């Protein structure tokens, strides 16, 4: 139902979408702040064996690929006592570090956002 309404609004170029100023939205009773970073980092230990990683005494190099997770890694290292280095802390909302690949398929063409170093071959997906 939500998907159908969202698609309807998009097809209408957002005509009919109700909008309010950002400051007003922040004051609304339906708006609540949530610390995603702390919750996510603290919960990682419930799905990843951090003790195993830590006991392996690895020095990890992390490349967040210019994405939103760049600010999570220092907290992950601190909370879970991991020896890691963020190798590139650049946040790039343009995704310039990625390349577009195009190949034909039975529908015409498929486009994928691929890492520039990835060597894609037919049948590899």
PDB file of N, CA and C in Angstrom:
ATOM      1  N   UNK A   1       0.809  -1.179   0.000  1.00  0.00           N
ATOM      2  CA  UNK A   1       0.000   0.000   0.000  1.00  0.00           C
ATOM      3  C   UNK A   1       0.863   1.259   0.000  1.00  0.00           C
ATOM      4  N   UNK A   2       1.887   1.272   0.845  1.00  0.00           N
ATOM      5  CA  UNK A   2       2.784   2.424   0.883  1.00  0.00           C
ATOM      6  C   UNK A   2       3.513   2.545  -0.442  1.00  0.00           C
ATOM      7  N   UNK A   3       3.973   1.406  -0.973  1.00  0.00           N
ATOM      8  CA  UNK A   3       4.684   1.412  -2.244  1.00  0.00           C
ATOM      9  C   UNK A   3       3.805   1.962  -3.362  1.00  0.00           C
ATOM     10  N   UNK A   4       2.555   1.556  -3.401  1.00  0.00           N
ATOM     11  CA  UNK A   4       1.631   2.016  -4.443  1.00  0.00           C
ATOM     12  C   UNK A   4       1.432   3.523  -4.343  1.00  0.00           C
ATOM     13  N   UNK A   5       1.239   4.033  -3.116  1.00  0.00           N
ATOM     14  CA  UNK A   5       1.045   5.476  -2.929  1.00  0.00           C
ATOM     15  C   UNK A   5       2.308   6.230  -3.312  1.00  0.00           C
ATOM     16  N   UNK A   6       3.475   5.714  -2.929  1.00  0.00           N
ATOM     17  CA  UNK A   6       4.737   6.369  -3.279  1.00  0.00           C
ATOM     18  C   UNK A   6       4.910   6.424  -4.793  1.00  0.00           C
ATOM     19  N   UNK A   7       4.622   5.317  -5.483  1.00  0.00           N
ATOM     20  CA  UNK A   7       4.732   5.298  -6.940  1.00  0.00           C
ATOM     21  C   UNK A   7       3.746   6.254  -7.587  1.00  0.00           C
ATOM     22  N   UNK A   8       2.551   6.330  -7.025  1.00  0.00           N
ATOM     23  CA  UNK A   8       1.532   7.260  -7.538  1.00  0.00           C
ATOM     24  C   UNK A   8       2.033   8.700  -7.418  1.00  0.00           C
ATOM     25  N   UNK A   9       2.601   9.044  -6.278  1.00  0.00           N
ATOM     26  CA  UNK A   9       3.129  10.403  -6.085  1.00  0.00           C
ATOM     27  C   UNK A   9       4.292  10.689  -7.029  1.00  0.00           C
ATOM     28  N   UNK A  10       5.153   9.714  -7.223  1.00  0.00           N
ATOM     29  CA  UNK A  10       6.280   9.899  -8.135  1.00  0.00           C
ATOM     30  C   UNK A  10       5.802  10.092  -9.574  1.00  0.00           C
ATOM     31  N   UNK A  11       4.831   9.284  -9.981  1.00  0.00           N
ATOM     32  CA  UNK A  11       4.294   9.410 -11.339  1.00  0.00           C
ATOM     33  C   UNK A  11       3.638  10.769 -11.549  1.00  0.00           C
ATOM     34  N   UNK A  12       3.078  11.336 -10.485  1.00  0.00           N
ATOM     35  CA  UNK A  12       2.445  12.659 -10.561  1.00  0.00           C
ATOM     36  C   UNK A  12       3.448  13.778 -10.303  1.00  0.00           C
ATOM     37  N   UNK A  13       4.739  13.422 -10.317  1.00  0.00           N
ATOM     38  CA  UNK A  13       5.817  14.377 -10.083  1.00  0.00           C
ATOM     39  C   UNK A  13       5.627  15.106  -8.753  1.00  0.00           C
ATOM     40  N   UNK A  14       5.190  14.355  -7.736  1.00  0.00           N
ATOM     41  CA  UNK A  14       4.982  14.790  -6.358  1.00  0.00           C
ATOM     42  C   UNK A  14       3.814  15.756  -6.185  1.00  0.00           C
ATOM     43  N   UNK A  15       3.023  15.912  -7.239  1.00  0.00           N
ATOM     44  CA  UNK A  15       1.814  16.719  -7.105  1.00  0.00           C
ATOM     45  C   UNK A  15       0.895  16.009  -6.116  1.00  0.00           C
ATOM     46  N   UNK A  16       0.460  16.711  -5.099  1.00  0.00           N
ATOM     47  CA  UNK A  16      -0.386  16.111  -4.084  1.00  0.00           C
ATOM     48  C   UNK A  16       0.388  15.656  -2.858  1.00  0.00           C
ATOM     49  N   UNK A  17       1.726  15.688  -2.924  1.00  0.00           N
ATOM     50  CA  UNK A  17       2.529  15.345  -1.753  1.00  0.00           C
ATOM     51  C   UNK A  17       2.449  16.499  -0.761  1.00  0.00           C
ATOM     52  N   UNK A  18       2.144  16.178   0.465  1.00  0.00           N
ATOM     53  CA  UNK A  18       2.056  17.207   1.496  1.00  0.00           C
ATOM     54  C   UNK A  18       3.453  17.496   2.014  1.00  0.00           C
ATOM     55  N   UNK A  19       3.784  18.783   2.051  1.00  0.00           N
ATOM     56  CA  UNK A  19       5.118  19.184   2.477  1.00  0.00           C
ATOM     57  C   UNK A  19       5.007  20.222   3.579  1.00  0.00           C
ATOM     58  N   UNK A  20       5.965  20.175   4.503  1.00  0.00           N
ATOM     59  CA  UNK A  20       6.055  21.200   5.535  1.00  0.00           C
ATOM     60  C   UNK A  20       7.522  21.594   5.681  1.00  0.00           C
ATOM     61  N   UNK A  21       7.801  22.792   6.169  1.00  0.00           N
ATOM     62  CA  UNK A  21       9.201  23.201   6.349  1.00  0.00           C
ATOM     63  C   UNK A  21       9.927  22.279   7.337  1.00  0.00           C
ATOM     64  N   UNK A  22      11.206  22.126   7.140  1.00  0.00           N
ATOM     65  CA  UNK A  22      12.029  21.242   7.959  1.00  0.00           C
ATOM     66  C   UNK A  22      11.904  21.569   9.449  1.00  0.00           C
ATOM     67  N   UNK A  23      12.004  22.830   9.811  1.00  0.00           N
ATOM     68  CA  UNK A  23      11.914  23.229  11.224  1.00  0.00           C
ATOM     69  C   UNK A  23      10.574  22.803  11.825  1.00  0.00           C
ATOM     70  N   UNK A  24       9.502  22.954  11.067  1.00  0.00           N
ATOM     71  CA  UNK A  24       8.180  22.546  11.542  1.00  0.00           C
ATOM     72  C   UNK A  24       8.104  21.022  11.705  1.00  0.00           C
ATOM     73  N   UNK A  25       8.704  20.297  10.786  1.00  0.00           N
ATOM     74  CA  UNK A  25       8.709  18.835  10.871  1.00  0.00           C
ATOM     75  C   UNK A  25       9.440  18.372  12.124  1.00  0.00           C
ATOM     76  N   UNK A  26      10.535  19.039  12.459  1.00  0.00           N
ATOM     77  CA  UNK A  26      11.284  18.675  13.659  1.00  0.00           C
ATOM     78  C   UNK A  26      10.483  18.910  14.939  1.00  0.00           C
ATOM     79  N   UNK A  27       9.576  19.882  14.918  1.00  0.00           N
ATOM     80  CA  UNK A  27       8.746  20.181  16.093  1.00  0.00           C
ATOM     81  C   UNK A  27       7.487  19.316  16.174  1.00  0.00           C
ATOM     82  N   UNK A  28       7.180  18.595  15.120  1.00  0.00           N
ATOM     83  CA  UNK A  28       5.943  17.797  15.083  1.00  0.00           C
ATOM     84  C   UNK A  28       5.974  16.681  16.126  1.00  0.00           C
ATOM     85  N   UNK A  29       4.815  16.362  16.655  1.00  0.00           N
ATOM     86  CA  UNK A  29       4.703  15.297  17.665  1.00  0.00           C
ATOM     87  C   UNK A  29       5.077  13.929  17.093  1.00  0.00           C
ATOM     88  N   UNK A  30       5.033  13.790  15.794  1.00  0.00           N
ATOM     89  CA  UNK A  30       5.351  12.508  15.155  1.00  0.00           C
ATOM     90  C   UNK A  30       6.840  12.359  14.850  1.00  0.00           C
ATOM     91  N   UNK A  31       7.614  13.401  15.096  1.00  0.00           N
ATOM     92  CA  UNK A  31       9.049  13.368  14.815  1.00  0.00           C
ATOM     93  C   UNK A  31       9.813  13.032  16.086  1.00  0.00           C
ATOM     94  N   UNK A  32      10.667  12.017  16.000  1.00  0.00           N
ATOM     95  CA  UNK A  32      11.465  11.590  17.149  1.00  0.00           C
ATOM     96  C   UNK A  32      12.905  11.395  16.711  1.00  0.00           C
ATOM     97  N   UNK A  33      13.829  11.806  17.523  1.00  0.00           N
ATOM     98  CA  UNK A  33      15.253  11.592  17.235  1.00  0.00           C
ATOM     99  C   UNK A  33      15.627  10.165  17.641  1.00  0.00           C
ATOM    100  N   UNK A  34      16.531   9.576  16.875  1.00  0.00           N
ATOM    101  CA  UNK A  34      17.012   8.229  17.183  1.00  0.00           C
ATOM    102  C   UNK A  34      18.496   8.178  16.844  1.00  0.00           C
ATOM    103  N   UNK A  35      19.299   7.683  17.743  1.00  0.00           N
ATOM    104  CA  UNK A  35      20.732   7.570  17.517  1.00  0.00           C
ATOM    105  C   UNK A  35      21.018   6.232  16.825  1.00  0.00           C
ATOM    106  N   UNK A  36      21.003   6.243  15.511  1.00  0.00           N
ATOM    107  CA  UNK A  36      21.227   5.031  14.735  1.00  0.00           C
ATOM    108  C   UNK A  36      22.652   4.504  14.910  1.00  0.00           C
ATOM    109  N   UNK A  37      23.619   5.414  14.988  1.00  0.00           N
ATOM    110  CA  UNK A  37      25.008   5.001  15.071  1.00  0.00           C
ATOM    111  C   UNK A  37      25.254   4.150  16.318  1.00  0.00           C
ATOM    112  N   UNK A  38      24.893   4.641  17.484  1.00  0.00           N
ATOM    113  CA  UNK A  38      25.135   3.911  18.727  1.00  0.00           C
ATOM    114  C   UNK A  38      24.372   2.588  18.758  1.00  0.00           C
ATOM    115  N   UNK A  39      23.118   2.619  18.356  1.00  0.00           N
ATOM    116  CA  UNK A  39      22.314   1.399  18.347  1.00  0.00           C
ATOM    117  C   UNK A  39      22.918   0.351  17.430  1.00  0.00           C
ATOM    118  N   UNK A  40      23.293   0.758  16.240  1.00  0.00           N
ATOM    119  CA  UNK A  40      23.881  -0.164  15.259  1.00  0.00           C
ATOM    120  C   UNK A  40      25.192  -0.753  15.773  1.00  0.00           C
ATOM    121  N   UNK A  41      26.092   0.126  16.222  1.00  0.00           N
ATOM    122  CA  UNK A  41      27.407  -0.323  16.673  1.00  0.00           C
ATOM    123  C   UNK A  41      27.282  -1.262  17.868  1.00  0.00           C
ATOM    124  N   UNK A  42      26.437  -0.926  18.819  1.00  0.00           N
ATOM    125  CA  UNK A  42      26.267  -1.771  20.001  1.00  0.00           C
ATOM    126  C   UNK A  42      25.660  -3.129  19.649  1.00  0.00           C
ATOM    127  N   UNK A  43      24.792  -3.172  18.642  1.00  0.00           N
ATOM    128  CA  UNK A  43      24.140  -4.425  18.253  1.00  0.00           C
ATOM    129  C   UNK A  43      25.017  -5.331  17.384  1.00  0.00           C
ATOM    130  N   UNK A  44      26.090  -4.805  16.826  1.00  0.00           N
ATOM    131  CA  UNK A  44      26.939  -5.622  15.952  1.00  0.00           C
ATOM    132  C   UNK A  44      27.436  -6.887  16.646  1.00  0.00           C
ATOM    133  N   UNK A  45      27.757  -6.782  17.926  1.00  0.00           N
ATOM    134  CA  UNK A  45      28.260  -7.928  18.660  1.00  0.00           C
ATOM    135  C   UNK A  45      27.261  -9.073  18.776  1.00  0.00           C
ATOM    136  N   UNK A  46      25.991  -8.802  18.524  1.00  0.00           N
ATOM    137  CA  UNK A  46      24.992  -9.871  18.601  1.00  0.00           C
ATOM    138  C   UNK A  46      24.910 -10.669  17.298  1.00  0.00           C
ATOM    139  N   UNK A  47      25.508 -10.171  16.221  1.00  0.00           N
ATOM    140  CA  UNK A  47      25.469 -10.891  14.943  1.00  0.00           C
ATOM    141  C   UNK A  47      26.858 -11.207  14.387  1.00  0.00           C
ATOM    142  N   UNK A  48      27.879 -10.581  14.956  1.00  0.00           N
ATOM    143  CA  UNK A  48      29.258 -10.823  14.519  1.00  0.00           C
ATOM    144  C   UNK A  48      30.071 -11.189  15.758  1.00  0.00           C
ATOM    145  N   UNK A  49      30.876 -12.213  15.643  1.00  0.00           N
ATOM    146  CA  UNK A  49      31.699 -12.649  16.772  1.00  0.00           C
ATOM    147  C   UNK A  49      32.911 -11.729  16.898  1.00  0.00           C
ATOM    148  N   UNK A  50      32.713 -10.619  17.591  1.00  0.00           N
ATOM    149  CA  UNK A  50      33.777  -9.634  17.754  1.00  0.00           C
ATOM    150  C   UNK A  50      34.931 -10.182  18.592  1.00  0.00           C
ATOM    151  N   UNK A  51      34.635 -11.065  19.549  1.00  0.00           N
ATOM    152  CA  UNK A  51      35.705 -11.683  20.350  1.00  0.00           C
ATOM    153  C   UNK A  51      36.654 -12.474  19.462  1.00  0.00           C
ATOM    154  N   UNK A  52      36.105 -13.190  18.497  1.00  0.00           N
ATOM    155  CA  UNK A  52      36.914 -13.980  17.567  1.00  0.00           C
ATOM    156  C   UNK A  52      37.800 -13.051  16.726  1.00  0.00           C
ATOM    157  N   UNK A  53      37.221 -11.995  16.208  1.00  0.00           N
ATOM    158  CA  UNK A  53      37.987 -11.048  15.387  1.00  0.00           C
ATOM    159  C   UNK A  53      39.082 -10.403  16.227  1.00  0.00           C
ATOM    160  N   UNK A  54      38.722  -9.948  17.413  1.00  0.00           N
ATOM    161  CA  UNK A  54      39.683  -9.294  18.304  1.00  0.00           C
ATOM    162  C   UNK A  54      40.817 -10.255  18.689  1.00  0.00           C
ATOM    163  N   UNK A  55      40.487 -11.507  19.010  1.00  0.00           N
ATOM    164  CA  UNK A  55      41.504 -12.473  19.442  1.00  0.00           C
ATOM    165  C   UNK A  55      42.435 -12.888  18.299  1.00  0.00           C
ATOM    166  N   UNK A  56      42.009 -12.685  17.064  1.00  0.00           N
ATOM    167  CA  UNK A  56      42.869 -13.002  15.918  1.00  0.00           C
ATOM    168  C   UNK A  56      43.987 -11.979  15.754  1.00  0.00           C
ATOM    169  N   UNK A  57      43.879 -10.857  16.494  1.00  0.00           N
ATOM    170  CA  UNK A  57      44.898  -9.798  16.478  1.00  0.00           C
ATOM    171  C   UNK A  57      45.177  -9.283  15.061  1.00  0.00           C
ATOM    172  N   UNK A  58      44.112  -9.126  14.309  1.00  0.00           N
ATOM    173  CA  UNK A  58      44.225  -8.601  12.954  1.00  0.00           C
ATOM    174  C   UNK A  58      44.312  -7.076  12.987  1.00  0.00           C
ATOM    175  N   UNK A  59      45.031  -6.527  12.031  1.00  0.00           N
ATOM    176  CA  UNK A  59      44.944  -5.082  11.792  1.00  0.00           C
ATOM    177  C   UNK A  59      44.122  -4.940  10.531  1.00  0.00           C
ATOM    178  N   UNK A  60      42.934  -4.375  10.654  1.00  0.00           N
ATOM    179  CA  UNK A  60      41.988  -4.299   9.548  1.00  0.00           C
ATOM    180  C   UNK A  60      42.068  -2.950   8.852  1.00  0.00           C
ATOM    181  N   UNK A  61      42.064  -2.983   7.544  1.00  0.00           N
ATOM    182  CA  UNK A  61      41.958  -1.774   6.734  1.00  0.00           C
ATOM    183  C   UNK A  61      40.547  -1.692   6.193  1.00  0.00           C
ATOM    184  N   UNK A  62      39.861  -0.579   6.437  1.00  0.00           N
ATOM    185  CA  UNK A  62      38.463  -0.428   6.043  1.00  0.00           C
ATOM    186  C   UNK A  62      38.333   0.708   5.037  1.00  0.00           C
ATOM    187  N   UNK A  63      37.675   0.414   3.921  1.00  0.00           N
ATOM    188  CA  UNK A  63      37.369   1.454   2.934  1.00  0.00           C
ATOM    189  C   UNK A  63      35.858   1.556   2.831  1.00  0.00           C
ATOM    190  N   UNK A  64      35.262   2.606   3.417  1.00  0.00           N
ATOM    191  CA  UNK A  64      33.803   2.750   3.384  1.00  0.00           C
ATOM    192  C   UNK A  64      33.255   3.126   2.005  1.00  0.00           C
ATOM    193  N   UNK A  65      34.124   3.186   0.996  1.00  0.00           N
ATOM    194  CA  UNK A  65      33.716   3.471  -0.388  1.00  0.00           C
ATOM    195  C   UNK A  65      32.927   4.773  -0.516  1.00  0.00           C
ATOM    196  N   UNK A  66      33.377   5.793   0.191  1.00  0.00           N
ATOM    197  CA  UNK A  66      32.780   7.114   0.053  1.00  0.00           C
ATOM    198  C   UNK A  66      31.370   7.228   0.571  1.00  0.00           C
ATOM    199  N   UNK A  67      30.938   6.240   1.321  1.00  0.00           N
ATOM    200  CA  UNK A  67      29.542   6.192   1.708  1.00  0.00           C
ATOM    201  C   UNK A  67      29.222   6.682   3.099  1.00  0.00           C
ATOM    202  N   UNK A  68      27.969   6.499   3.436  1.00  0.00           N
ATOM    203  CA  UNK A  68      27.413   7.003   4.685  1.00  0.00           C
ATOM    204  C   UNK A  68      28.025   6.335   5.911  1.00  0.00           C
ATOM    205  N   UNK A  69      28.587   5.139   5.768  1.00  0.00           N
ATOM    206  CA  UNK A  69      29.129   4.418   6.910  1.00  0.00           C
ATOM    207  C   UNK A  69      30.485   4.905   7.378  1.00  0.00           C
ATOM    208  N   UNK A  70      31.039   5.895   6.713  1.00  0.00           N
ATOM    209  CA  UNK A  70      32.392   6.343   7.035  1.00  0.00           C
ATOM    210  C   UNK A  70      32.530   6.745   8.508  1.00  0.00           C
ATOM    211  N   UNK A  71      31.506   7.330   9.081  1.00  0.00           N
ATOM    212  CA  UNK A  71      31.593   7.805  10.459  1.00  0.00           C
ATOM    213  C   UNK A  71      31.315   6.717  11.492  1.00  0.00           C
ATOM    214  N   UNK A  72      30.923   5.550  11.062  1.00  0.00           N
ATOM    215  CA  UNK A  72      30.641   4.447  11.970  1.00  0.00           C
ATOM    216  C   UNK A  72      31.911   3.712  12.397  1.00  0.00           C
ATOM    217  N   UNK A  73      32.916   3.700  11.550  1.00  0.00           N
ATOM    218  CA  UNK A  73      34.060   2.820  11.767  1.00  0.00           C
ATOM    219  C   UNK A  73      34.880   3.148  13.001  1.00  0.00           C
ATOM    220  N   UNK A  74      35.101   4.405  13.299  1.00  0.00           N
ATOM    221  CA  UNK A  74      35.861   4.760  14.503  1.00  0.00           C
ATOM    222  C   UNK A  74      35.128   4.265  15.746  1.00  0.00           C
ATOM    223  N   UNK A  75      33.814   4.407  15.764  1.00  0.00           N
ATOM    224  CA  UNK A  75      33.029   3.938  16.909  1.00  0.00           C
ATOM    225  C   UNK A  75      33.032   2.419  16.991  1.00  0.00           C
ATOM    226  N   UNK A  76      32.965   1.741  15.849  1.00  0.00           N
ATOM    227  CA  UNK A  76      33.041   0.274  15.842  1.00  0.00           C
ATOM    228  C   UNK A  76      34.372  -0.169  16.444  1.00  0.00           C
ATOM    229  N   UNK A  77      35.458   0.458  16.018  1.00  0.00           N
ATOM    230  CA  UNK A  77      36.781   0.105  16.539  1.00  0.00           C
ATOM    231  C   UNK A  77      36.857   0.344  18.038  1.00  0.00           C
ATOM    232  N   UNK A  78      36.320   1.468  18.492  1.00  0.00           N
ATOM    233  CA  UNK A  78      36.368   1.813  19.917  1.00  0.00           C
ATOM    234  C   UNK A  78      35.522   0.865  20.769  1.00  0.00           C
ATOM    235  N   UNK A  79      34.274   0.700  20.411  1.00  0.00           N
ATOM    236  CA  UNK A  79      33.342  -0.107  21.213  1.00  0.00           C
ATOM    237  C   UNK A  79      33.754  -1.576  21.244  1.00  0.00           C
ATOM    238  N   UNK A  80      34.197  -2.093  20.107  1.00  0.00           N
ATOM    239  CA  UNK A  80      34.507  -3.517  20.013  1.00  0.00           C
ATOM    240  C   UNK A  80      36.005  -3.805  20.125  1.00  0.00           C
ATOM    241  N   UNK A  81      36.776  -2.762  20.448  1.00  0.00           N
ATOM    242  CA  UNK A  81      38.218  -2.891  20.677  1.00  0.00           C
ATOM    243  C   UNK A  81      38.924  -3.603  19.535  1.00  0.00           C
ATOM    244  N   UNK A  82      38.688  -3.089  18.326  1.00  0.00           N
ATOM    245  CA  UNK A  82      39.300  -3.659  17.129  1.00  0.00           C
ATOM    246  C   UNK A  82      40.420  -2.751  16.648  1.00  0.00           C
ATOM    247  N   UNK A  83      41.460  -3.355  16.102  1.00  0.00           N
ATOM    248  CA  UNK A  83      42.579  -2.613  15.533  1.00  0.00           C
ATOM    249  C   UNK A  83      42.277  -2.397  14.057  1.00  0.00           C
ATOM    250  N   UNK A  84      41.716  -1.237  13.754  1.00  0.00           N
ATOM    251  CA  UNK A  84      41.389  -0.977  12.358  1.00  0.00           C
ATOM    252  C   UNK A  84      41.728   0.452  11.970  1.00  0.00           C
ATOM    253  N   UNK A  85      41.979   0.605  10.699  1.00  0.00           N
ATOM    254  CA  UNK A  85      42.287   1.905  10.122  1.00  0.00           C
ATOM    255  C   UNK A  85      41.340   2.159   8.969  1.00  0.00           C
ATOM    256  N   UNK A  86      40.719   3.331   8.967  1.00  0.00           N
ATOM    257  CA  UNK A  86      39.903   3.744   7.821  1.00  0.00           C
ATOM    258  C   UNK A  86      40.880   4.269   6.778  1.00  0.00           C
ATOM    259  N   UNK A  87      40.970   3.587   5.643  1.00  0.00           N
ATOM    260  CA  UNK A  87      41.974   3.930   4.632  1.00  0.00           C
ATOM    261  C   UNK A  87      41.572   5.131   3.782  1.00  0.00           C
ATOM    262  N   UNK A  88      40.279   5.428   3.721  1.00  0.00           N
ATOM    263  CA  UNK A  88      39.823   6.609   2.978  1.00  0.00           C
ATOM    264  C   UNK A  88      38.549   7.116   3.636  1.00  0.00           C
ATOM    265  N   UNK A  89      38.652   8.232   4.331  1.00  0.00           N
ATOM    266  CA  UNK A  89      37.509   8.797   5.046  1.00  0.00           C
ATOM    267  C   UNK A  89      36.713   9.798   4.238  1.00  0.00           C
ATOM    268  N   UNK A  90      36.931   9.835   2.935  1.00  0.00           N
ATOM    269  CA  UNK A  90      36.217  10.771   2.078  1.00  0.00           C
ATOM    270  C   UNK A  90      34.748  10.378   1.954  1.00  0.00           C
ATOM    271  N   UNK A  91      33.866  11.347   2.153  1.00  0.00           N
ATOM    272  CA  UNK A  91      32.442  11.116   1.905  1.00  0.00           C
ATOM    273  C   UNK A  91      32.143  11.715   0.542  1.00  0.00           C
ATOM    274  N   UNK A  92      31.690  10.886  -0.373  1.00  0.00           N
ATOM    275  CA  UNK A  92      31.449  11.324  -1.745  1.00  0.00           C
ATOM    276  C   UNK A  92      30.021  10.999  -2.157  1.00  0.00           C
ATOM    277  N   UNK A  93      29.083  11.950  -1.965  1.00  0.00           N
ATOM    278  CA  UNK A  93      27.691  11.691  -2.322  1.00  0.00           C
ATOM    279  C   UNK A  93      27.457  11.555  -3.826  1.00  0.00           C
ATOM    280  N   UNK A  94      28.468  11.877  -4.632  1.00  0.00           N
ATOM    281  CA  UNK A  94      28.314  11.758  -6.091  1.00  0.00           C
ATOM    282  C   UNK A  94      28.662  10.365  -6.598  1.00  0.00           C
ATOM    283  N   UNK A  95      29.239   9.511  -5.753  1.00  0.00           N
ATOM    284  CA  UNK A  95      29.664   8.158  -6.134  1.00  0.00           C
ATOM    285  C   UNK A  95      30.667   8.172  -7.290  1.00  0.00           C
ATOM    286  N   UNK A  96      31.545   9.191  -7.325  1.00  0.00           N
ATOM    287  CA  UNK A  96      32.551   9.262  -8.394  1.00  0.00           C
ATOM    288  C   UNK A  96      33.524   8.094  -8.360  1.00  0.00           C
ATOM    289  N   UNK A  97      33.632   7.438  -7.213  1.00  0.00           N
ATOM    290  CA  UNK A  97      34.553   6.317  -7.081  1.00  0.00           C
ATOM    291  C   UNK A  97      33.999   5.052  -7.731  1.00  0.00           C
ATOM    292  N   UNK A  98      32.770   5.095  -8.217  1.00  0.00           N
ATOM    293  CA  UNK A  98      32.139   3.939  -8.850  1.00  0.00           C
ATOM    294  C   UNK A  98      32.030   4.187 -10.354  1.00  0.00           C
ATOM    295  N   UNK A  99      31.956   3.095 -11.103  1.00  0.00           N
ATOM    296  CA  UNK A  99      31.742   3.226 -12.544  1.00  0.00           C
ATOM    297  C   UNK A  99      30.461   2.495 -12.927  1.00  0.00           C
ATOM    298  N   UNK A 100      29.820   2.967 -13.982  1.00  0.00           N
ATOM    299  CA  UNK A 100      28.618   2.320 -14.498  1.00  0.00           C
ATOM    300  C   UNK A 100      29.021   1.318 -15.553  1.00  0.00           C
ATOM    301  N   UNK A 101      28.437   0.134 -15.462  1.00  0.00           N
ATOM    302  CA  UNK A 101      28.678  -0.909 -16.459  1.00  0.00           C
ATOM    303  C   UNK A 101      27.336  -1.195 -17.139  1.00  0.00           C
ATOM    304  N   UNK A 102      27.385  -1.536 -18.386  1.00  0.00           N
ATOM    305  CA  UNK A 102      26.160  -1.873 -19.118  1.00  0.00           C
ATOM    306  C   UNK A 102      26.412  -3.141 -19.915  1.00  0.00           C
ATOM    307  N   UNK A 103      25.477  -4.042 -19.862  1.00  0.00           N
ATOM    308  CA  UNK A 103      25.563  -5.240 -20.675  1.00  0.00           C
ATOM    309  C   UNK A 103      24.160  -5.658 -21.072  1.00  0.00           C
ATOM    310  N   UNK A 104      24.036  -6.303 -22.243  1.00  0.00           N
ATOM    311  CA  UNK A 104      22.706  -6.708 -22.707  1.00  0.00           C
ATOM    312  C   UNK A 104      22.175  -7.900 -21.925  1.00  0.00           C
ATOM    313  N   UNK A 105      20.867  -7.949 -21.804  1.00  0.00           N
ATOM    314  CA  UNK A 105      20.225  -9.131 -21.232  1.00  0.00           C
ATOM    315  C   UNK A 105      18.967  -9.403 -22.042  1.00  0.00           C
ATOM    316  N   UNK A 106      18.164 -10.329 -21.593  1.00  0.00           N
ATOM    317  CA  UNK A 106      16.988 -10.709 -22.362  1.00  0.00           C
ATOM    318  C   UNK A 106      15.932  -9.608 -22.405  1.00  0.00           C
ATOM    319  N   UNK A 107      16.052  -8.580 -21.539  1.00  0.00           N
ATOM    320  CA  UNK A 107      15.086  -7.486 -21.523  1.00  0.00           C
ATOM    321  C   UNK A 107      15.577  -6.271 -22.289  1.00  0.00           C
ATOM    322  N   UNK A 108      16.809  -6.270 -22.722  1.00  0.00           N
ATOM    323  CA  UNK A 108      17.371  -5.120 -23.416  1.00  0.00           C
ATOM    324  C   UNK A 108      18.738  -4.810 -22.859  1.00  0.00           C
ATOM    325  N   UNK A 109      18.780  -4.095 -21.740  1.00  0.00           N
ATOM    326  CA  UNK A 109      20.050  -3.753 -21.117  1.00  0.00           C
ATOM    327  C   UNK A 109      19.901  -3.747 -19.613  1.00  0.00           C
ATOM    328  N   UNK A 110      20.972  -4.082 -18.931  1.00  0.00           N
ATOM    329  CA  UNK A 110      21.022  -4.019 -17.477  1.00  0.00           C
ATOM    330  C   UNK A 110      22.135  -3.058 -17.119  1.00  0.00           C
ATOM    331  N   UNK A 111      21.869  -2.195 -16.161  1.00  0.00           N
ATOM    332  CA  UNK A 111      22.880  -1.269 -15.690  1.00  0.00           C
ATOM    333  C   UNK A 111      23.233  -1.630 -14.255  1.00  0.00           C
ATOM    334  N   UNK A 112      24.495  -1.524 -13.920  1.00  0.00           N
ATOM    335  CA  UNK A 112      24.919  -1.811 -12.555  1.00  0.00           C
ATOM    336  C   UNK A 112      25.970  -0.799 -12.146  1.00  0.00           C
ATOM    337  N   UNK A 113      25.914  -0.409 -10.905  1.00  0.00           N
ATOM    338  CA  UNK A 113      26.921   0.462 -10.340  1.00  0.00           C
ATOM    339  C   UNK A 113      27.984  -0.443  -9.748  1.00  0.00           C
ATOM    340  N   UNK A 114      29.150  -0.466 -10.366  1.00  0.00           N
ATOM    341  CA  UNK A 114      30.183  -1.425  -9.983  1.00  0.00           C
ATOM    342  C   UNK A 114      31.426  -0.692  -9.523  1.00  0.00           C
ATOM    343  N   UNK A 115      32.167  -1.313  -8.647  1.00  0.00           N
ATOM    344  CA  UNK A 115      33.451  -0.789  -8.235  1.00  0.00           C
ATOM    345  C   UNK A 115      34.352  -0.740  -9.461  1.00  0.00           C
ATOM    346  N   UNK A 116      35.106   0.331  -9.594  1.00  0.00           N
ATOM    347  CA  UNK A 116      35.943   0.520 -10.774  1.00  0.00           C
ATOM    348  C   UNK A 116      36.982  -0.578 -10.930  1.00  0.00           C
ATOM    349  N   UNK A 117      37.332  -1.266  -9.847  1.00  0.00           N
ATOM    350  CA  UNK A 117      38.340  -2.315  -9.934  1.00  0.00           C
ATOM    351  C   UNK A 117      37.746  -3.675 -10.225  1.00  0.00           C
ATOM    352  N   UNK A 118      36.420  -3.778 -10.241  1.00  0.00           N
ATOM    353  CA  UNK A 118      35.773  -5.063 -10.470  1.00  0.00           C
ATOM    354  C   UNK A 118      35.882  -5.452 -11.928  1.00  0.00           C
ATOM    355  N   UNK A 119      36.249  -6.691 -12.169  1.00  0.00           N
ATOM    356  CA  UNK A 119      36.340  -7.207 -13.528  1.00  0.00           C
ATOM    357  C   UNK A 119      35.089  -8.042 -13.781  1.00  0.00           C
ATOM    358  N   UNK A 120      34.105  -7.472 -14.474  1.00  0.00           N
ATOM    359  CA  UNK A 120      32.843  -8.155 -14.721  1.00  0.00           C
ATOM    360  C   UNK A 120      32.943  -8.990 -15.988  1.00  0.00           C
ATOM    361  N   UNK A 121      32.475 -10.204 -15.915  1.00  0.00           N
ATOM    362  CA  UNK A 121      32.442 -11.085 -17.070  1.00  0.00           C
ATOM    363  C   UNK A 121      31.022 -11.564 -17.285  1.00  0.00           C
ATOM    364  N   UNK A 122      30.699 -11.887 -18.517  1.00  0.00           N
ATOM    365  CA  UNK A 122      29.358 -12.392 -18.808  1.00  0.00           C
ATOM    366  C   UNK A 122      29.092 -13.628 -17.950  1.00  0.00           C
ATOM    367  N   UNK A 123      27.926 -13.653 -17.364  1.00  0.00           N
ATOM    368  CA  UNK A 123      27.548 -14.787 -16.543  1.00  0.00           C
ATOM    369  C   UNK A 123      28.036 -14.698 -15.095  1.00  0.00           C
ATOM    370  N   UNK A 124      28.664 -13.576 -14.728  1.00  0.00           N
ATOM    371  CA  UNK A 124      29.205 -13.476 -13.382  1.00  0.00           C
ATOM    372  C   UNK A 124      28.179 -12.982 -12.367  1.00  0.00           C
ATOM    373  N   UNK A 125      26.989 -12.657 -12.840  1.00  0.00           N
ATOM    374  CA  UNK A 125      25.953 -12.221 -11.900  1.00  0.00           C
ATOM    375  C   UNK A 125      24.802 -13.181 -11.879  1.00  0.00           C
TER     376      UNK A 125
END
